[in-house]
Amino acid sequence: MRIIVAAVGRLKRGPETELAGRYAKRAAQTGRGLGLRDIDVIEIRESRADDAAKRMLEESIALANVIPQRAAVVLLDAHGENVDSASLAARLAQWRADDRPAAVFMIGGADGLAPSLCAKAELRLAFGAATWPHQIVRIMLLEQLYRATTILTGHPYHRG
């Protein structure tokens, strides 16, 4: 099973990019023993449309185009579920057991995501009630994916 993180916007060079890359690499290495093939990060260009609704639609279409058939779709959503690390690991394990080809985690742009894309989500995932910059959300997601792989392999990184 592939893990895809599809995000509107790019991380610029610097410590955020390095940290995101570090967690993605760790998750990929730890996940290989679990049958996780790759952790792919796909950056979607931010729309330049003048209208917020049009920006949201254009970005949502671009995000929808990276979802493989039968993939589990997870939206990062400030109003979503607060899922603990063990529960996220359990969902990944279940999707893998269900022979899903991929789990796609989507981070939308500042204007949100179109209702048609939201309807595809099996899970809306929140990292608490606070509002986070998209760059930080990407790092937090990649860390949680790494943590989930360590939980599933019994690695001591996750002790909680």
Protein backbone atom coordinates (compact mmCIF):
# COMPACT_ATOMS: atom_id res chain seq x y z
CA MET A 1 0.00 0.00 0.00
CA ARG A 2 1.23 3.47 -0.85
CA ILE A 3 0.87 6.45 1.43
CA ILE A 4 0.26 9.69 -0.45
CA VAL A 5 0.32 13.12 1.16
CA ALA A 6 -1.24 15.54 -1.32
CA ALA A 7 -0.94 19.17 -0.26
CA VAL A 8 -1.88 22.48 -1.80
CA GLY A 9 1.20 24.69 -1.74
CA ARG A 10 4.92 24.09 -1.61
CA LEU A 11 7.35 23.93 1.25
CA LYS A 12 10.21 26.33 0.66
CA ARG A 13 13.77 25.25 1.35
CA GLY A 14 14.64 25.38 4.99
CA PRO A 15 14.10 23.60 8.28
CA GLU A 16 10.43 22.78 7.57
CA THR A 17 11.35 20.97 4.37
CA GLU A 18 14.20 19.13 6.09
CA LEU A 19 11.98 18.01 8.98
CA ALA A 20 9.16 16.92 6.65
CA GLY A 21 11.67 14.96 4.56
CA ARG A 22 13.17 13.33 7.64
CA TYR A 23 9.79 12.04 8.85
CA ALA A 24 8.77 10.90 5.37
CA LYS A 25 12.01 8.95 5.00
CA ARG A 26 11.68 7.38 8.45
CA ALA A 27 8.06 6.41 7.80
CA ALA A 28 9.00 4.85 4.45
CA GLN A 29 11.88 2.87 5.99
CA THR A 30 9.85 1.62 8.94
CA GLY A 31 6.80 0.97 6.78
CA ARG A 32 8.57 -1.33 4.32
CA GLY A 33 8.34 -4.21 6.77
CA LEU A 34 4.59 -3.61 6.97
CA GLY A 35 4.00 -3.73 3.24
CA LEU A 36 3.90 0.04 2.82
CA ARG A 37 5.67 0.75 -0.43
CA ASP A 38 6.31 4.46 -0.35
CA ILE A 39 5.47 7.74 1.28
CA ASP A 40 4.86 10.10 -1.64
CA VAL A 41 4.40 13.82 -1.10
CA ILE A 42 2.61 15.52 -3.97
CA GLU A 43 2.52 19.29 -3.98
CA ILE A 44 -0.38 20.92 -5.79
CA ARG A 45 0.10 24.43 -7.10
CA GLU A 46 -2.05 27.05 -5.41
CA SER A 47 -4.73 28.43 -7.71
CA ARG A 48 -4.31 32.03 -8.82
CA ALA A 49 -8.02 32.58 -9.47
CA ASP A 50 -9.43 35.86 -8.15
CA ASP A 51 -12.51 34.24 -6.60
CA ALA A 52 -12.21 32.07 -3.47
CA ALA A 53 -14.82 29.58 -4.69
CA LYS A 54 -12.99 29.14 -7.99
CA ARG A 55 -9.64 28.71 -6.18
CA MET A 56 -11.18 26.02 -3.96
CA LEU A 57 -12.66 24.21 -6.94
CA GLU A 58 -9.45 24.29 -9.01
CA GLU A 59 -7.34 23.05 -6.10
CA SER A 60 -9.88 20.33 -5.24
CA ILE A 61 -9.90 19.08 -8.83
CA ALA A 62 -6.11 18.90 -8.82
CA LEU A 63 -6.16 17.00 -5.51
CA ALA A 64 -8.89 14.61 -6.73
CA ASN A 65 -6.73 13.74 -9.75
CA VAL A 66 -4.08 12.11 -7.53
CA ILE A 67 -6.47 9.68 -5.79
CA PRO A 68 -5.99 6.11 -7.05
CA GLN A 69 -9.05 3.86 -7.47
CA ARG A 70 -10.15 2.24 -4.18
CA ALA A 71 -7.78 4.39 -2.12
CA ALA A 72 -8.66 5.38 1.43
CA VAL A 73 -9.09 9.17 1.47
CA VAL A 74 -8.31 11.24 4.55
CA LEU A 75 -8.85 15.00 4.70
CA LEU A 76 -6.98 17.16 7.14
CA ASP A 77 -9.79 19.29 8.52
CA ALA A 78 -9.79 21.62 11.53
CA HIS A 79 -13.35 20.43 12.24
CA GLY A 80 -12.51 16.76 11.83
CA GLU A 81 -11.95 13.96 14.32
CA ASN A 82 -9.16 14.09 16.87
CA VAL A 83 -7.69 10.62 16.40
CA ASP A 84 -4.94 9.36 18.67
CA SER A 85 -1.79 7.82 17.21
CA ALA A 86 -2.74 4.23 17.99
CA SER A 87 -6.11 4.66 16.28
CA LEU A 88 -4.47 6.12 13.18
CA ALA A 89 -2.07 3.16 13.13
CA ALA A 90 -5.03 0.78 13.42
CA ARG A 91 -6.77 2.43 10.47
CA LEU A 92 -3.63 2.12 8.34
CA ALA A 93 -3.38 -1.55 9.29
CA GLN A 94 -7.04 -2.11 8.40
CA TRP A 95 -6.71 -0.38 5.02
CA ARG A 96 -3.64 -2.51 4.31
CA ALA A 97 -5.54 -5.67 5.38
CA ASP A 98 -8.41 -4.63 3.10
CA ASP A 99 -5.87 -4.59 0.25
CA ARG A 100 -6.36 -0.90 -0.46
CA PRO A 101 -3.80 0.33 -3.01
CA ALA A 102 -3.18 3.60 -1.17
CA ALA A 103 -4.11 5.88 1.68
CA VAL A 104 -4.28 9.48 0.50
CA PHE A 105 -3.99 12.28 3.05
CA MET A 106 -5.13 15.63 1.66
CA ILE A 107 -4.17 19.07 2.92
CA GLY A 108 -6.26 21.72 1.21
CA GLY A 109 -5.51 25.35 0.53
CA ALA A 110 -6.53 28.40 2.54
CA ASP A 111 -10.00 28.42 0.95
CA GLY A 112 -10.79 24.83 1.93
CA LEU A 113 -11.94 21.92 -0.21
CA ALA A 114 -14.90 21.50 -2.53
CA PRO A 115 -17.87 19.52 -1.15
CA SER A 116 -17.45 16.94 -3.93
CA LEU A 117 -13.93 16.15 -2.69
CA CYS A 118 -15.01 16.17 0.96
CA ALA A 119 -17.64 13.55 0.11
CA LYS A 120 -14.87 11.11 -0.88
CA ALA A 121 -13.27 11.18 2.57
CA GLU A 122 -13.42 8.15 4.85
CA LEU A 123 -11.87 10.19 7.62
CA ARG A 124 -11.60 13.87 8.43
CA LEU A 125 -8.56 14.22 10.63
CA ALA A 126 -7.90 17.18 12.95
CA PHE A 127 -4.84 18.05 14.99
CA GLY A 128 -6.78 19.73 17.77
CA ALA A 129 -8.93 22.84 17.82
CA ALA A 130 -6.11 25.27 17.04
CA THR A 131 -5.53 26.65 13.56
CA TRP A 132 -2.20 25.50 12.14
CA PRO A 133 -0.22 26.72 9.12
CA HIS A 134 -0.33 24.21 6.27
CA GLN A 135 3.44 23.71 6.44
CA ILE A 136 3.23 22.70 10.11
CA VAL A 137 0.25 20.42 9.42
CA ARG A 138 2.27 18.60 6.79
CA ILE A 139 5.14 18.05 9.24
CA MET A 140 2.72 16.91 11.98
CA LEU A 141 1.03 14.50 9.57
CA LEU A 142 4.31 12.99 8.43
CA GLU A 143 5.41 12.60 12.04
CA GLN A 144 2.13 10.83 12.85
CA LEU A 145 2.57 8.53 9.85
CA TYR A 146 6.06 7.68 11.10
CA ARG A 147 4.68 7.14 14.60
CA ALA A 148 1.93 4.88 13.18
CA THR A 149 4.52 2.70 11.43
CA THR A 150 6.52 2.42 14.65
CA ILE A 151 3.40 1.42 16.56
CA LEU A 152 2.63 -1.29 14.02
CA THR A 153 6.20 -2.64 14.08
CA GLY A 154 6.59 -2.47 17.85
CA HIS A 155 9.44 0.04 17.60
CA PRO A 156 10.05 1.92 20.89
CA TYR A 157 9.63 5.40 19.32
CA HIS A 158 5.99 5.38 20.45
CA ARG A 159 5.84 4.74 24.16
CA GLY A 160 2.45 6.26 24.92
